[in-house]
Amino acid sequence: MVDQPMNANDLYLEIGKRITNARLSLGWSQEEAASKLEVTRVTWNHMEKGNQKIAIDRLLAVAELLKIPPGRLVPGLLPDEVTERVKDENFSEEETDTIYKTLDKYQTE
């Protein structure tokens, strides 16, 4: 059976969940994150809820702000089994960041 591609609504919902998780891991409120990105809290909230399409330049800025490779925000850029395995292994935040940065580097070469 071939996996069906994710529809746009589900894609933005998943990106939003990943933004939320990354923000919370930094201990930031939506207000703090929005201020750092120079957008309103409402705009940030819409991104997290998947209610707003995010332009690629903004997505890259969000990833940089949240200190994660952009591939961690977009489903399908990293194989799901890699993402799940990293979660299952309970690596430290530093180890997790190193793994994802390394994967991101090799995927762009």
C-alpha atoms as a PDB file:
ATOM      1  CA  MET A   1       0.000   0.000   0.000  1.00  0.00           C
ATOM      2  CA  VAL A   2       1.339   3.449  -0.966  1.00  0.00           C
ATOM      3  CA  ASP A   3       1.173   6.173   1.666  1.00  0.00           C
ATOM      4  CA  GLN A   4      -1.041   9.052   0.660  1.00  0.00           C
ATOM      5  CA  PRO A   5       0.578  12.477   0.724  1.00  0.00           C
ATOM      6  CA  MET A   6      -0.459  14.654   3.626  1.00  0.00           C
ATOM      7  CA  ASN A   7      -3.123  17.199   2.704  1.00  0.00           C
ATOM      8  CA  ALA A   8      -2.315  20.877   3.248  1.00  0.00           C
ATOM      9  CA  ASN A   9      -4.461  21.244   6.375  1.00  0.00           C
ATOM     10  CA  ASP A  10      -2.841  18.249   8.055  1.00  0.00           C
ATOM     11  CA  LEU A  11       0.596  19.469   6.995  1.00  0.00           C
ATOM     12  CA  TYR A  12       0.125  22.859   8.648  1.00  0.00           C
ATOM     13  CA  LEU A  13      -1.378  21.237  11.750  1.00  0.00           C
ATOM     14  CA  GLU A  14       1.705  19.018  12.087  1.00  0.00           C
ATOM     15  CA  ILE A  15       4.115  21.899  11.469  1.00  0.00           C
ATOM     16  CA  GLY A  16       2.242  23.853  14.144  1.00  0.00           C
ATOM     17  CA  LYS A  17       2.566  20.996  16.644  1.00  0.00           C
ATOM     18  CA  ARG A  18       6.278  20.817  15.983  1.00  0.00           C
ATOM     19  CA  ILE A  19       6.652  24.582  16.443  1.00  0.00           C
ATOM     20  CA  THR A  20       4.741  24.343  19.724  1.00  0.00           C
ATOM     21  CA  ASN A  21       6.900  21.480  21.000  1.00  0.00           C
ATOM     22  CA  ALA A  22      10.123  23.283  20.093  1.00  0.00           C
ATOM     23  CA  ARG A  23       8.939  26.521  21.734  1.00  0.00           C
ATOM     24  CA  LEU A  24       7.898  24.721  24.907  1.00  0.00           C
ATOM     25  CA  SER A  25      11.247  22.898  25.067  1.00  0.00           C
ATOM     26  CA  LEU A  26      12.864  26.352  25.274  1.00  0.00           C
ATOM     27  CA  GLY A  27      10.459  27.361  28.040  1.00  0.00           C
ATOM     28  CA  TRP A  28       9.057  30.271  26.062  1.00  0.00           C
ATOM     29  CA  SER A  29       5.517  31.602  26.035  1.00  0.00           C
ATOM     30  CA  GLN A  30       3.861  32.369  22.721  1.00  0.00           C
ATOM     31  CA  GLU A  31       4.267  36.054  23.568  1.00  0.00           C
ATOM     32  CA  GLU A  32       8.041  35.652  24.046  1.00  0.00           C
ATOM     33  CA  ALA A  33       8.488  33.693  20.824  1.00  0.00           C
ATOM     34  CA  ALA A  34       6.337  36.126  18.851  1.00  0.00           C
ATOM     35  CA  SER A  35       8.305  39.086  20.188  1.00  0.00           C
ATOM     36  CA  LYS A  36      11.612  37.465  19.220  1.00  0.00           C
ATOM     37  CA  LEU A  37      10.300  36.801  15.695  1.00  0.00           C
ATOM     38  CA  GLU A  38       8.782  40.302  15.563  1.00  0.00           C
ATOM     39  CA  VAL A  39       5.234  39.105  14.890  1.00  0.00           C
ATOM     40  CA  THR A  40       2.102  39.403  16.987  1.00  0.00           C
ATOM     41  CA  ARG A  41       1.129  36.733  19.488  1.00  0.00           C
ATOM     42  CA  VAL A  42      -1.998  36.147  17.382  1.00  0.00           C
ATOM     43  CA  THR A  43       0.154  35.424  14.311  1.00  0.00           C
ATOM     44  CA  TRP A  44       2.328  33.048  16.341  1.00  0.00           C
ATOM     45  CA  ASN A  45      -0.775  31.331  17.718  1.00  0.00           C
ATOM     46  CA  HIS A  46      -2.150  30.869  14.196  1.00  0.00           C
ATOM     47  CA  MET A  47       1.128  29.244  13.112  1.00  0.00           C
ATOM     48  CA  GLU A  48       1.020  26.847  16.066  1.00  0.00           C
ATOM     49  CA  LYS A  49      -2.629  25.973  15.462  1.00  0.00           C
ATOM     50  CA  GLY A  50      -2.007  25.343  11.757  1.00  0.00           C
ATOM     51  CA  ASN A  51      -4.411  28.126  10.808  1.00  0.00           C
ATOM     52  CA  GLN A  52      -1.842  30.080   8.837  1.00  0.00           C
ATOM     53  CA  LYS A  53       0.191  29.066   5.828  1.00  0.00           C
ATOM     54  CA  ILE A  54       3.818  29.757   6.580  1.00  0.00           C
ATOM     55  CA  ALA A  55       6.062  31.133   3.845  1.00  0.00           C
ATOM     56  CA  ILE A  56       9.377  29.332   3.498  1.00  0.00           C
ATOM     57  CA  ASP A  57      11.379  32.366   4.628  1.00  0.00           C
ATOM     58  CA  ARG A  58       9.283  32.624   7.787  1.00  0.00           C
ATOM     59  CA  LEU A  59       9.575  28.876   8.398  1.00  0.00           C
ATOM     60  CA  LEU A  60      13.357  29.169   8.171  1.00  0.00           C
ATOM     61  CA  ALA A  61      13.287  32.132  10.572  1.00  0.00           C
ATOM     62  CA  VAL A  62      11.118  30.160  13.024  1.00  0.00           C
ATOM     63  CA  ALA A  63      13.501  27.196  12.878  1.00  0.00           C
ATOM     64  CA  GLU A  64      16.494  29.452  13.478  1.00  0.00           C
ATOM     65  CA  LEU A  65      14.731  31.184  16.358  1.00  0.00           C
ATOM     66  CA  LEU A  66      13.819  27.831  17.920  1.00  0.00           C
ATOM     67  CA  LYS A  67      17.401  26.611  17.385  1.00  0.00           C
ATOM     68  CA  ILE A  68      16.425  23.566  15.343  1.00  0.00           C
ATOM     69  CA  PRO A  69      17.088  22.460  11.766  1.00  0.00           C
ATOM     70  CA  PRO A  70      14.182  23.341   9.437  1.00  0.00           C
ATOM     71  CA  GLY A  71      13.804  19.644   8.599  1.00  0.00           C
ATOM     72  CA  ARG A  72      12.496  19.018  12.098  1.00  0.00           C
ATOM     73  CA  LEU A  73       9.508  21.276  11.463  1.00  0.00           C
ATOM     74  CA  VAL A  74       8.337  19.778   8.176  1.00  0.00           C
ATOM     75  CA  PRO A  75       6.943  16.229   8.118  1.00  0.00           C
ATOM     76  CA  GLY A  76       8.600  13.988   5.566  1.00  0.00           C
ATOM     77  CA  LEU A  77      11.920  15.788   5.371  1.00  0.00           C
ATOM     78  CA  LEU A  78      13.382  13.434   7.937  1.00  0.00           C
ATOM     79  CA  PRO A  79      12.282   9.808   7.826  1.00  0.00           C
ATOM     80  CA  ASP A  80       9.657   9.164  10.516  1.00  0.00           C
ATOM     81  CA  GLU A  81      11.609   6.195  11.818  1.00  0.00           C
ATOM     82  CA  VAL A  82      14.589   8.472  12.514  1.00  0.00           C
ATOM     83  CA  THR A  83      12.445  10.997  14.347  1.00  0.00           C
ATOM     84  CA  GLU A  84      10.734   8.272  16.396  1.00  0.00           C
ATOM     85  CA  ARG A  85      14.028   6.542  17.200  1.00  0.00           C
ATOM     86  CA  VAL A  86      15.574   9.775  18.437  1.00  0.00           C
ATOM     87  CA  LYS A  87      12.535  10.351  20.685  1.00  0.00           C
ATOM     88  CA  ASP A  88      12.628   6.758  21.974  1.00  0.00           C
ATOM     89  CA  GLU A  89      16.310   6.889  22.917  1.00  0.00           C
ATOM     90  CA  ASN A  90      15.839   9.747  25.416  1.00  0.00           C
ATOM     91  CA  PHE A  91      18.918  11.609  24.251  1.00  0.00           C
ATOM     92  CA  SER A  92      19.832  14.837  25.994  1.00  0.00           C
ATOM     93  CA  GLU A  93      18.759  18.049  24.277  1.00  0.00           C
ATOM     94  CA  GLU A  94      22.355  18.642  23.194  1.00  0.00           C
ATOM     95  CA  GLU A  95      22.663  15.132  21.732  1.00  0.00           C
ATOM     96  CA  THR A  96      19.318  15.487  19.956  1.00  0.00           C
ATOM     97  CA  ASP A  97      20.361  18.824  18.450  1.00  0.00           C
ATOM     98  CA  THR A  98      23.647  17.328  17.268  1.00  0.00           C
ATOM     99  CA  ILE A  99      21.856  14.391  15.633  1.00  0.00           C
ATOM    100  CA  TYR A 100      19.374  16.612  13.811  1.00  0.00           C
ATOM    101  CA  LYS A 101      22.007  19.140  12.741  1.00  0.00           C
ATOM    102  CA  THR A 102      24.113  16.326  11.336  1.00  0.00           C
ATOM    103  CA  LEU A 103      21.141  14.832   9.485  1.00  0.00           C
ATOM    104  CA  ASP A 104      20.166  18.261   8.178  1.00  0.00           C
ATOM    105  CA  LYS A 105      23.714  18.877   6.934  1.00  0.00           C
ATOM    106  CA  TYR A 106      23.866  15.601   5.002  1.00  0.00           C
ATOM    107  CA  GLN A 107      20.417  16.040   3.526  1.00  0.00           C
ATOM    108  CA  THR A 108      21.375  19.388   2.034  1.00  0.00           C
ATOM    109  CA  GLU A 109      24.693  18.278   0.525  1.00  0.00           C
END
